[in-house]
Amino acid sequence: MWFRPPYKGADVELGGARPLYPMMMEPPELRWAFIRKIYSILAIQMLLTIAVAAVVVSVRPVAEFFVSSGAGLGLYIFLIILPFIVLCPLYYYYQQHPVNFLLLGIFTVSISFAVGLTCAFTKGEVILESAILTAVVVISLTLYTFWAASRGRDFNFLGPFLFAAVMILMVFALIQMFFPMGRISMMIYGGLAALIFCGYIIYDTDNLIKRYSYDEYIWAAVALYLDIINLFLSLLTFFRAADS
């Protein structure tokens, strides 16, 4: 196998594309096309989430159905479990179009309903604060990660630490569920969760730039989508506890 030397600068034949990070071995314009594809899918996911959540929040009978009847509660639990169920066939069909996009749509809509139900019983000011802060943080961390990668910084080392932090967060949530410790505890939980998912945004964006293969666009979109949604829900938990 021939060794391809790293790109030292822009190539006229490649349209002047510059490498995203030092020692980049692949054509930069191919990686940029992959990145644009991911963020296009992610933008559609976020618009779909906003639309579904807005319907759940604005049409009060929808939210009341989920909390006032046994059938609604059962459907709510099913919608929470459904994303995990969809991930199984998505693992096998993530390269098969259009099945992969159909499964991704089901995954997104089910999570959107859960987000909408959470927002339906939250003050509008709290939702707005969380949404604005989420947008600012996501854009800032994305730009920072691209800037840091272009200067040779690597964030792959964050993986084990973030995984351990999520495990601790899950145990914390279980303890809080069975032994509620009050408003301060929920604020701590929301703040810690927000910091952890900020780390995941950096980690998954770094993987998007360097490590995902071109046929893994579905998984890259799913990872970033979950990071953003979890960051929003964490901030929502923090501000709701602070406002109570």
Protein backbone atom coordinates (compact mmCIF):
# COMPACT_ATOMS: atom_id res chain seq x y z
CA MET A 1 0.00 0.00 0.00
CA TRP A 2 1.31 3.40 -0.97
CA PHE A 3 1.81 5.94 1.80
CA ARG A 4 0.04 9.23 1.15
CA PRO A 5 1.97 12.19 2.60
CA PRO A 6 0.02 14.63 4.78
CA TYR A 7 -1.45 17.70 3.16
CA LYS A 8 0.83 20.70 3.55
CA GLY A 9 -1.58 23.23 2.15
CA ALA A 10 -4.27 23.90 -0.41
CA ASP A 11 -4.14 22.01 -3.71
CA VAL A 12 -5.32 23.90 -6.79
CA GLU A 13 -6.74 20.69 -8.30
CA LEU A 14 -8.83 20.13 -5.14
CA GLY A 15 -10.39 23.56 -5.31
CA GLY A 16 -8.16 25.19 -2.69
CA ALA A 17 -9.47 23.14 0.27
CA ARG A 18 -7.33 23.38 3.39
CA PRO A 19 -6.81 20.48 5.83
CA LEU A 20 -8.99 20.52 8.93
CA TYR A 21 -6.14 19.41 11.20
CA PRO A 22 -2.39 18.79 10.93
CA MET A 23 -1.26 15.52 9.34
CA MET A 24 -4.64 15.08 7.65
CA MET A 25 -4.38 12.07 5.30
CA GLU A 26 -7.68 12.39 3.39
CA PRO A 27 -8.78 14.99 0.83
CA PRO A 28 -10.16 17.92 2.87
CA GLU A 29 -13.05 18.62 0.48
CA LEU A 30 -14.42 15.10 1.05
CA ARG A 31 -14.41 15.57 4.81
CA TRP A 32 -16.02 19.00 4.46
CA ALA A 33 -18.78 17.47 2.31
CA PHE A 34 -19.32 14.82 4.98
CA ILE A 35 -19.50 17.49 7.70
CA ARG A 36 -22.03 19.54 5.72
CA LYS A 37 -24.16 16.42 5.28
CA ILE A 38 -24.14 15.74 9.02
CA TYR A 39 -25.14 19.26 9.97
CA SER A 40 -27.88 19.28 7.33
CA ILE A 41 -29.37 16.13 8.85
CA LEU A 42 -28.95 17.58 12.33
CA ALA A 43 -30.71 20.81 11.33
CA ILE A 44 -33.69 18.83 10.02
CA GLN A 45 -33.78 16.82 13.25
CA MET A 46 -33.79 19.99 15.35
CA LEU A 47 -36.55 21.59 13.25
CA LEU A 48 -38.63 18.43 13.56
CA THR A 49 -38.07 18.39 17.32
CA ILE A 50 -39.11 22.03 17.64
CA ALA A 51 -42.25 21.42 15.55
CA VAL A 52 -43.36 18.33 17.50
CA ALA A 53 -42.56 19.88 20.88
CA ALA A 54 -44.42 23.07 19.93
CA VAL A 55 -47.54 21.06 19.08
CA VAL A 56 -47.38 19.16 22.37
CA VAL A 57 -46.92 22.38 24.34
CA SER A 58 -49.51 24.51 22.53
CA VAL A 59 -52.26 21.87 22.21
CA ARG A 60 -53.03 21.29 25.88
CA PRO A 61 -55.27 18.20 25.40
CA VAL A 62 -52.25 16.34 24.02
CA ALA A 63 -50.18 16.89 27.15
CA GLU A 64 -53.15 16.29 29.45
CA PHE A 65 -53.87 12.96 27.74
CA PHE A 66 -50.40 11.70 28.61
CA VAL A 67 -50.68 12.58 32.30
CA SER A 68 -54.38 12.07 33.06
CA SER A 69 -55.02 8.55 31.81
CA GLY A 70 -53.49 5.14 32.11
CA ALA A 71 -53.33 4.78 28.32
CA GLY A 72 -51.50 8.09 28.05
CA LEU A 73 -49.00 7.08 30.72
CA GLY A 74 -48.40 3.78 28.96
CA LEU A 75 -47.89 5.57 25.66
CA TYR A 76 -45.49 8.00 27.32
CA ILE A 77 -43.40 5.12 28.69
CA PHE A 78 -43.45 3.49 25.25
CA LEU A 79 -42.22 6.73 23.63
CA ILE A 80 -39.35 6.87 26.12
CA ILE A 81 -38.35 3.27 25.37
CA LEU A 82 -38.92 3.53 21.59
CA PRO A 83 -35.65 5.36 20.77
CA PHE A 84 -33.65 2.53 22.35
CA ILE A 85 -35.68 -0.01 20.38
CA VAL A 86 -35.12 1.87 17.11
CA LEU A 87 -31.36 1.96 17.67
CA CYS A 88 -31.22 -1.84 17.23
CA PRO A 89 -32.45 -1.99 13.59
CA LEU A 90 -30.67 1.29 12.92
CA TYR A 91 -27.39 -0.45 13.81
CA TYR A 92 -27.92 -2.93 10.96
CA TYR A 93 -29.52 -0.62 8.39
CA TYR A 94 -27.61 2.63 8.90
CA GLN A 95 -26.10 2.36 5.41
CA GLN A 96 -29.33 1.40 3.60
CA HIS A 97 -31.22 4.35 2.17
CA PRO A 98 -34.10 5.20 2.72
CA VAL A 99 -34.59 2.75 5.63
CA ASN A 100 -31.92 4.52 7.68
CA PHE A 101 -33.66 7.89 7.33
CA LEU A 102 -37.05 6.35 8.17
CA LEU A 103 -35.64 4.86 11.37
CA LEU A 104 -33.88 8.12 12.16
CA GLY A 105 -37.19 9.96 11.74
CA ILE A 106 -38.96 7.60 14.15
CA PHE A 107 -36.08 8.02 16.61
CA THR A 108 -36.28 11.82 16.39
CA VAL A 109 -40.07 12.06 16.68
CA SER A 110 -40.21 9.80 19.74
CA ILE A 111 -37.59 11.88 21.53
CA SER A 112 -39.37 15.06 20.42
CA PHE A 113 -42.57 13.95 22.14
CA ALA A 114 -40.65 13.38 25.38
CA VAL A 115 -39.06 16.83 25.08
CA GLY A 116 -42.45 18.40 24.36
CA LEU A 117 -44.07 16.76 27.39
CA THR A 118 -41.24 18.01 29.59
CA CYS A 119 -41.70 21.54 28.26
CA ALA A 120 -45.51 21.38 28.54
CA PHE A 121 -45.29 21.61 32.33
CA THR A 122 -42.50 24.18 32.44
CA LYS A 123 -42.73 27.97 32.42
CA GLY A 124 -42.19 29.65 29.07
CA GLU A 125 -39.40 31.85 30.47
CA VAL A 126 -37.48 28.79 31.64
CA ILE A 127 -37.87 27.10 28.25
CA LEU A 128 -36.68 30.24 26.44
CA GLU A 129 -33.66 30.65 28.73
CA SER A 130 -32.68 27.00 28.25
CA ALA A 131 -33.14 27.12 24.47
CA ILE A 132 -31.10 30.33 24.03
CA LEU A 133 -28.30 29.10 26.27
CA THR A 134 -28.25 25.73 24.50
CA ALA A 135 -27.93 27.41 21.10
CA VAL A 136 -25.14 29.70 22.29
CA VAL A 137 -23.20 26.86 23.94
CA VAL A 138 -23.55 24.48 20.97
CA ILE A 139 -22.41 27.08 18.43
CA SER A 140 -19.54 28.25 20.64
CA LEU A 141 -18.26 24.75 21.43
CA THR A 142 -18.56 23.69 17.78
CA LEU A 143 -16.51 26.66 16.59
CA TYR A 144 -13.97 26.11 19.36
CA THR A 145 -13.55 22.42 18.49
CA PHE A 146 -12.95 23.19 14.80
CA TRP A 147 -10.46 25.89 15.78
CA ALA A 148 -8.67 23.61 18.24
CA ALA A 149 -8.54 20.73 15.75
CA SER A 150 -6.97 22.98 13.13
CA ARG A 151 -4.15 23.64 15.61
CA GLY A 152 -3.49 19.99 16.32
CA ARG A 153 -5.45 19.52 19.53
CA ASP A 154 -7.14 16.18 20.06
CA PHE A 155 -10.05 15.42 22.41
CA ASN A 156 -10.20 11.64 22.06
CA PHE A 157 -8.88 11.31 25.61
CA LEU A 158 -12.21 12.63 26.92
CA GLY A 159 -14.05 9.40 26.01
CA PRO A 160 -13.38 7.33 29.17
CA PHE A 161 -13.90 10.30 31.48
CA LEU A 162 -17.22 11.24 29.87
CA PHE A 163 -18.43 7.64 30.01
CA ALA A 164 -17.61 7.44 33.71
CA ALA A 165 -19.31 10.79 34.31
CA VAL A 166 -22.51 9.58 32.60
CA MET A 167 -22.53 6.44 34.74
CA ILE A 168 -22.26 8.59 37.87
CA LEU A 169 -25.01 10.85 36.54
CA MET A 170 -27.32 7.88 35.97
CA VAL A 171 -26.76 6.62 39.52
CA PHE A 172 -27.38 10.15 40.80
CA ALA A 173 -30.67 10.26 38.86
CA LEU A 174 -31.79 6.89 40.25
CA ILE A 175 -31.04 8.00 43.80
CA GLN A 176 -32.91 11.25 43.20
CA MET A 177 -35.86 9.30 41.79
CA PHE A 178 -36.29 7.04 44.82
CA PHE A 179 -34.93 9.39 47.50
CA PRO A 180 -35.67 13.00 46.44
CA MET A 181 -33.21 15.40 48.01
CA GLY A 182 -34.87 18.67 47.14
CA ARG A 183 -34.36 21.68 44.91
CA ILE A 184 -30.63 22.16 45.55
CA SER A 185 -29.96 18.56 44.57
CA MET A 186 -31.83 19.02 41.29
CA MET A 187 -29.84 22.17 40.55
CA ILE A 188 -26.60 20.28 41.17
CA TYR A 189 -27.79 17.44 38.94
CA GLY A 190 -28.78 19.81 36.13
CA GLY A 191 -25.52 21.75 36.35
CA LEU A 192 -23.33 18.64 36.35
CA ALA A 193 -25.31 17.10 33.47
CA ALA A 194 -24.95 20.30 31.43
CA LEU A 195 -21.16 20.28 31.92
CA ILE A 196 -20.93 16.60 30.96
CA PHE A 197 -22.89 17.07 27.74
CA CYS A 198 -20.81 20.13 26.89
CA GLY A 199 -17.87 17.74 27.01
CA TYR A 200 -19.72 15.29 24.78
CA ILE A 201 -20.37 18.03 22.19
CA ILE A 202 -16.62 18.68 21.99
CA TYR A 203 -15.81 14.97 21.92
CA ASP A 204 -18.36 14.05 19.22
CA THR A 205 -17.50 17.09 17.10
CA ASP A 206 -13.83 16.10 17.25
CA ASN A 207 -14.83 12.58 16.12
CA LEU A 208 -16.87 14.12 13.31
CA ILE A 209 -13.81 15.99 12.09
CA LYS A 210 -11.32 13.13 12.36
CA ARG A 211 -12.72 9.67 12.97
CA TYR A 212 -16.17 8.97 11.53
CA SER A 213 -16.07 7.18 8.20
CA TYR A 214 -18.12 8.58 5.32
CA ASP A 215 -20.86 5.93 5.65
CA GLU A 216 -21.40 6.65 9.36
CA TYR A 217 -23.31 9.89 8.84
CA ILE A 218 -26.39 8.52 10.63
CA TRP A 219 -24.44 7.68 13.79
CA ALA A 220 -22.66 11.02 13.75
CA ALA A 221 -26.00 12.84 13.49
CA VAL A 222 -27.53 10.72 16.27
CA ALA A 223 -24.58 11.42 18.59
CA LEU A 224 -24.69 15.18 18.13
CA TYR A 225 -28.49 15.28 18.31
CA LEU A 226 -28.50 13.44 21.64
CA ASP A 227 -25.77 15.76 22.97
CA ILE A 228 -27.84 18.85 22.14
CA ILE A 229 -31.13 17.44 23.46
CA ASN A 230 -29.53 16.26 26.69
CA LEU A 231 -27.82 19.62 27.16
CA PHE A 232 -31.17 21.39 26.71
CA LEU A 233 -32.95 19.06 29.16
CA SER A 234 -30.12 19.48 31.69
CA LEU A 235 -30.37 23.26 31.53
CA LEU A 236 -34.15 22.98 31.73
CA THR A 237 -33.80 20.92 34.92
CA PHE A 238 -31.37 23.45 36.40
CA PHE A 239 -33.45 26.56 35.65
CA ARG A 240 -36.73 24.89 36.64
CA ALA A 241 -35.26 23.92 40.02
CA ALA A 242 -33.82 27.40 40.47
CA ASP A 243 -37.17 28.99 39.61
CA SER A 244 -39.22 26.82 41.98
